[in-house]
Amino acid sequence: MFKDLDPLLHQQLRLSIISLLASVKEAEFTYLKDKTQATAGNISVQINKLADAEYISVTKSFRANYPLTTCKITAKGLTAFENYVKALQDYLPPSAAKKKSPEGR
């Protein structure tokens, strides 16, 4: 009856990261850290898990001699996120509009 939810995305911080990345072209580590209010260590671990699953790509470089980590959602990650949202919708009750008959009763 209910579809299984992707266990990788079912964790709150990973879901936050993937949903942020789904709405932007790419994001720096500090942006994701600020938006999620996670610790650097925790977000780093979760980014690695998403990268290992090929849900995101991670580029490491330098800006003014400081490390710069940039993340971008992959096609696989976007599909996984969309499937997760669709599966989650199955858990929601039908809307009042869908419950009404064509006559509005």
N, C-alpha and C. Protein backbone atom coordinates (compact mmCIF):
# COMPACT_ATOMS: atom_id res chain seq x y z
N MET A 1 0.82 -1.18 0.00
CA MET A 1 0.00 0.00 0.00
C MET A 1 0.88 1.26 0.00
N PHE A 2 1.76 1.39 0.98
CA PHE A 2 2.65 2.55 1.04
C PHE A 2 3.98 2.19 0.39
N LYS A 3 4.53 3.14 -0.34
CA LYS A 3 5.84 2.95 -0.95
C LYS A 3 6.91 3.12 0.12
N ASP A 4 8.01 2.38 -0.04
CA ASP A 4 9.13 2.54 0.88
C ASP A 4 9.77 3.91 0.67
N LEU A 5 10.18 4.52 1.75
CA LEU A 5 10.88 5.79 1.69
C LEU A 5 12.38 5.52 1.62
N ASP A 6 13.07 6.26 0.78
CA ASP A 6 14.51 6.11 0.61
C ASP A 6 15.18 6.35 1.97
N PRO A 7 15.82 5.33 2.54
CA PRO A 7 16.42 5.50 3.88
C PRO A 7 17.54 6.54 3.90
N LEU A 8 18.20 6.74 2.78
CA LEU A 8 19.26 7.75 2.73
C LEU A 8 18.68 9.15 2.85
N LEU A 9 17.54 9.38 2.25
CA LEU A 9 16.92 10.71 2.30
C LEU A 9 16.00 10.88 3.50
N HIS A 10 15.70 9.81 4.18
CA HIS A 10 14.77 9.88 5.30
C HIS A 10 15.40 10.50 6.55
N GLN A 11 16.71 10.67 6.54
CA GLN A 11 17.40 11.32 7.65
C GLN A 11 17.26 12.84 7.44
N GLN A 12 16.90 13.56 8.49
CA GLN A 12 16.53 14.97 8.39
C GLN A 12 17.59 15.85 7.74
N LEU A 13 18.82 15.75 8.15
CA LEU A 13 19.86 16.63 7.61
C LEU A 13 20.13 16.33 6.14
N ARG A 14 20.19 15.04 5.79
CA ARG A 14 20.42 14.70 4.38
C ARG A 14 19.25 15.18 3.52
N LEU A 15 18.03 15.07 4.03
CA LEU A 15 16.87 15.56 3.30
C LEU A 15 16.95 17.07 3.14
N SER A 16 17.38 17.77 4.17
CA SER A 16 17.54 19.22 4.10
C SER A 16 18.57 19.61 3.05
N ILE A 17 19.68 18.92 3.03
CA ILE A 17 20.75 19.21 2.07
C ILE A 17 20.25 18.99 0.65
N ILE A 18 19.63 17.84 0.41
CA ILE A 18 19.20 17.52 -0.95
C ILE A 18 18.09 18.46 -1.41
N SER A 19 17.21 18.87 -0.50
CA SER A 19 16.15 19.78 -0.90
C SER A 19 16.70 21.18 -1.19
N LEU A 20 17.70 21.61 -0.45
CA LEU A 20 18.36 22.88 -0.75
C LEU A 20 19.04 22.83 -2.11
N LEU A 21 19.74 21.74 -2.37
CA LEU A 21 20.46 21.61 -3.63
C LEU A 21 19.52 21.47 -4.82
N ALA A 22 18.32 20.94 -4.58
CA ALA A 22 17.34 20.81 -5.67
C ALA A 22 16.83 22.17 -6.12
N SER A 23 16.99 23.18 -5.27
CA SER A 23 16.44 24.50 -5.59
C SER A 23 17.50 25.50 -6.08
N VAL A 24 18.76 25.09 -6.11
CA VAL A 24 19.83 25.98 -6.58
C VAL A 24 20.73 25.22 -7.56
N LYS A 25 21.51 25.96 -8.33
CA LYS A 25 22.42 25.33 -9.28
C LYS A 25 23.52 24.57 -8.55
N GLU A 26 24.08 25.21 -7.54
CA GLU A 26 25.10 24.61 -6.69
C GLU A 26 25.18 25.43 -5.40
N ALA A 27 25.82 24.86 -4.39
CA ALA A 27 25.90 25.57 -3.11
C ALA A 27 27.23 25.27 -2.44
N GLU A 28 27.76 26.29 -1.79
CA GLU A 28 28.99 26.13 -1.03
C GLU A 28 28.67 25.49 0.32
N PHE A 29 29.67 24.84 0.86
CA PHE A 29 29.55 24.18 2.17
C PHE A 29 29.01 25.14 3.22
N THR A 30 29.54 26.37 3.25
CA THR A 30 29.12 27.32 4.28
C THR A 30 27.64 27.70 4.13
N TYR A 31 27.15 27.78 2.90
CA TYR A 31 25.73 28.06 2.66
C TYR A 31 24.86 26.94 3.23
N LEU A 32 25.24 25.70 2.93
CA LEU A 32 24.48 24.55 3.45
C LEU A 32 24.55 24.50 4.97
N LYS A 33 25.72 24.78 5.51
CA LYS A 33 25.90 24.78 6.96
C LYS A 33 25.02 25.84 7.61
N ASP A 34 25.00 27.04 7.04
CA ASP A 34 24.18 28.13 7.59
C ASP A 34 22.69 27.82 7.49
N LYS A 35 22.25 27.34 6.34
CA LYS A 35 20.83 27.08 6.13
C LYS A 35 20.30 25.94 6.99
N THR A 36 21.12 24.92 7.21
CA THR A 36 20.69 23.76 8.01
C THR A 36 20.98 23.94 9.49
N GLN A 37 21.85 24.88 9.82
CA GLN A 37 22.28 25.12 11.20
C GLN A 37 22.91 23.89 11.83
N ALA A 38 23.56 23.09 10.99
CA ALA A 38 24.25 21.90 11.45
C ALA A 38 25.70 22.24 11.76
N THR A 39 26.35 21.38 12.52
CA THR A 39 27.77 21.57 12.79
C THR A 39 28.56 21.20 11.54
N ALA A 40 29.75 21.74 11.42
CA ALA A 40 30.60 21.45 10.26
C ALA A 40 30.87 19.96 10.14
N GLY A 41 31.14 19.31 11.27
CA GLY A 41 31.43 17.88 11.25
C GLY A 41 30.24 17.06 10.80
N ASN A 42 29.05 17.38 11.31
CA ASN A 42 27.86 16.62 10.96
C ASN A 42 27.51 16.81 9.49
N ILE A 43 27.54 18.04 9.03
CA ILE A 43 27.18 18.26 7.63
C ILE A 43 28.21 17.62 6.70
N SER A 44 29.46 17.62 7.09
CA SER A 44 30.50 16.98 6.29
C SER A 44 30.23 15.49 6.14
N VAL A 45 29.86 14.83 7.22
CA VAL A 45 29.55 13.40 7.18
C VAL A 45 28.36 13.13 6.27
N GLN A 46 27.32 13.95 6.37
CA GLN A 46 26.12 13.74 5.57
C GLN A 46 26.37 14.03 4.09
N ILE A 47 27.18 15.04 3.80
CA ILE A 47 27.56 15.32 2.41
C ILE A 47 28.30 14.14 1.82
N ASN A 48 29.21 13.55 2.61
CA ASN A 48 29.95 12.38 2.13
C ASN A 48 29.02 11.21 1.83
N LYS A 49 28.02 10.99 2.67
CA LYS A 49 27.07 9.90 2.43
C LYS A 49 26.27 10.14 1.15
N LEU A 50 25.84 11.38 0.94
CA LEU A 50 25.10 11.71 -0.29
C LEU A 50 26.00 11.58 -1.52
N ALA A 51 27.26 11.98 -1.38
CA ALA A 51 28.21 11.86 -2.50
C ALA A 51 28.52 10.40 -2.80
N ASP A 52 28.68 9.58 -1.76
CA ASP A 52 28.94 8.15 -1.95
C ASP A 52 27.80 7.47 -2.70
N ALA A 53 26.57 7.95 -2.47
CA ALA A 53 25.39 7.39 -3.15
C ALA A 53 25.20 8.02 -4.54
N GLU A 54 26.08 8.94 -4.89
CA GLU A 54 26.03 9.67 -6.16
C GLU A 54 24.78 10.53 -6.30
N TYR A 55 24.25 10.99 -5.16
CA TYR A 55 23.10 11.90 -5.16
C TYR A 55 23.56 13.34 -5.34
N ILE A 56 24.81 13.61 -4.95
CA ILE A 56 25.39 14.93 -5.15
C ILE A 56 26.83 14.77 -5.64
N SER A 57 27.32 15.81 -6.28
CA SER A 57 28.75 15.85 -6.62
C SER A 57 29.39 16.92 -5.75
N VAL A 58 30.62 16.67 -5.37
CA VAL A 58 31.35 17.58 -4.48
C VAL A 58 32.64 18.00 -5.17
N THR A 59 32.84 19.31 -5.24
CA THR A 59 34.06 19.86 -5.83
C THR A 59 34.82 20.60 -4.74
N LYS A 60 36.09 20.25 -4.60
CA LYS A 60 36.93 20.92 -3.60
C LYS A 60 37.97 21.77 -4.34
N SER A 61 38.06 23.02 -3.90
CA SER A 61 39.02 23.94 -4.51
C SER A 61 39.48 24.93 -3.44
N PHE A 62 40.11 26.01 -3.89
CA PHE A 62 40.55 27.04 -2.95
C PHE A 62 40.07 28.39 -3.45
N ARG A 63 39.75 29.26 -2.50
CA ARG A 63 39.42 30.66 -2.80
C ARG A 63 40.24 31.50 -1.82
N ALA A 64 41.13 32.31 -2.36
CA ALA A 64 42.01 33.15 -1.54
C ALA A 64 42.71 32.33 -0.46
N ASN A 65 43.28 31.21 -0.87
CA ASN A 65 44.04 30.31 0.01
C ASN A 65 43.20 29.61 1.07
N TYR A 66 41.88 29.67 0.97
CA TYR A 66 40.99 28.97 1.90
C TYR A 66 40.27 27.85 1.15
N PRO A 67 40.10 26.69 1.80
CA PRO A 67 39.39 25.59 1.15
C PRO A 67 37.95 25.99 0.82
N LEU A 68 37.50 25.54 -0.34
CA LEU A 68 36.14 25.81 -0.78
C LEU A 68 35.53 24.50 -1.26
N THR A 69 34.44 24.09 -0.62
CA THR A 69 33.72 22.89 -1.01
C THR A 69 32.39 23.32 -1.61
N THR A 70 32.14 22.86 -2.82
CA THR A 70 30.91 23.19 -3.52
C THR A 70 30.16 21.90 -3.84
N CYS A 71 28.85 21.91 -3.58
CA CYS A 71 28.02 20.73 -3.80
C CYS A 71 26.96 21.02 -4.86
N LYS A 72 26.64 19.99 -5.62
CA LYS A 72 25.64 20.11 -6.68
C LYS A 72 24.85 18.80 -6.74
N ILE A 73 23.53 18.90 -6.88
CA ILE A 73 22.72 17.71 -6.98
C ILE A 73 22.94 17.06 -8.35
N THR A 74 22.96 15.74 -8.39
CA THR A 74 23.11 15.03 -9.65
C THR A 74 21.73 14.64 -10.18
N ALA A 75 21.69 14.16 -11.40
CA ALA A 75 20.43 13.68 -11.98
C ALA A 75 19.87 12.54 -11.13
N LYS A 76 20.76 11.65 -10.67
CA LYS A 76 20.34 10.54 -9.81
C LYS A 76 19.76 11.07 -8.51
N GLY A 77 20.39 12.09 -7.94
CA GLY A 77 19.91 12.68 -6.70
C GLY A 77 18.57 13.37 -6.86
N LEU A 78 18.40 14.08 -7.97
CA LEU A 78 17.13 14.76 -8.22
C LEU A 78 16.00 13.75 -8.40
N THR A 79 16.27 12.67 -9.12
CA THR A 79 15.28 11.61 -9.29
C THR A 79 14.93 10.98 -7.95
N ALA A 80 15.94 10.71 -7.13
CA ALA A 80 15.71 10.11 -5.81
C ALA A 80 14.87 11.05 -4.94
N PHE A 81 15.15 12.35 -4.99
CA PHE A 81 14.40 13.33 -4.22
C PHE A 81 12.95 13.39 -4.69
N GLU A 82 12.75 13.45 -6.00
CA GLU A 82 11.39 13.50 -6.55
C GLU A 82 10.61 12.23 -6.18
N ASN A 83 11.25 11.07 -6.26
CA ASN A 83 10.60 9.81 -5.88
C ASN A 83 10.27 9.78 -4.39
N TYR A 84 11.16 10.34 -3.58
CA TYR A 84 10.93 10.40 -2.14
C TYR A 84 9.70 11.25 -1.85
N VAL A 85 9.61 12.41 -2.49
CA VAL A 85 8.46 13.30 -2.28
C VAL A 85 7.16 12.62 -2.73
N LYS A 86 7.19 11.96 -3.87
CA LYS A 86 6.00 11.25 -4.36
C LYS A 86 5.59 10.14 -3.40
N ALA A 87 6.55 9.38 -2.91
CA ALA A 87 6.25 8.32 -1.96
C ALA A 87 5.69 8.88 -0.67
N LEU A 88 6.22 10.00 -0.23
CA LEU A 88 5.75 10.63 1.00
C LEU A 88 4.31 11.11 0.84
N GLN A 89 3.95 11.55 -0.34
CA GLN A 89 2.58 12.01 -0.59
C GLN A 89 1.56 10.89 -0.39
N ASP A 90 1.97 9.64 -0.59
CA ASP A 90 1.08 8.50 -0.36
C ASP A 90 0.70 8.37 1.12
N TYR A 91 1.50 8.92 1.99
CA TYR A 91 1.24 8.85 3.42
C TYR A 91 0.26 9.93 3.88
N LEU A 92 0.00 10.91 3.03
CA LEU A 92 -0.90 12.01 3.38
C LEU A 92 -2.35 11.62 3.07
N PRO A 93 -3.29 12.08 3.90
CA PRO A 93 -4.69 11.78 3.61
C PRO A 93 -5.15 12.53 2.36
N PRO A 94 -6.12 11.98 1.65
CA PRO A 94 -6.63 12.69 0.47
C PRO A 94 -7.18 14.05 0.88
N SER A 95 -7.08 15.01 -0.02
CA SER A 95 -7.59 16.36 0.30
C SER A 95 -9.11 16.34 0.32
N ALA A 96 -9.68 17.33 0.95
CA ALA A 96 -11.14 17.43 1.05
C ALA A 96 -11.77 17.52 -0.34
N ALA A 97 -11.08 18.17 -1.26
CA ALA A 97 -11.62 18.31 -2.61
C ALA A 97 -11.71 16.95 -3.30
N LYS A 98 -10.77 16.08 -3.05
CA LYS A 98 -10.80 14.76 -3.68
C LYS A 98 -11.88 13.87 -3.07
N LYS A 99 -12.27 14.14 -1.83
CA LYS A 99 -13.28 13.33 -1.16
C LYS A 99 -14.69 13.63 -1.65
N LYS A 100 -14.89 14.84 -2.18
CA LYS A 100 -16.23 15.24 -2.62
C LYS A 100 -16.61 14.52 -3.90
N SER A 101 -17.87 14.28 -4.06
CA SER A 101 -18.38 13.70 -5.29
C SER A 101 -18.42 14.78 -6.36
N PRO A 102 -18.60 14.41 -7.62
CA PRO A 102 -18.67 15.42 -8.69
C PRO A 102 -19.75 16.47 -8.46
N GLU A 103 -20.79 16.13 -7.73
CA GLU A 103 -21.86 17.09 -7.45
C GLU A 103 -21.48 18.02 -6.31
N GLY A 104 -20.36 17.82 -5.68
CA GLY A 104 -19.91 18.68 -4.59
C GLY A 104 -20.41 18.24 -3.23
N ARG A 105 -20.90 17.01 -3.12
CA ARG A 105 -21.41 16.50 -1.83
C ARG A 105 -20.36 15.75 -1.08
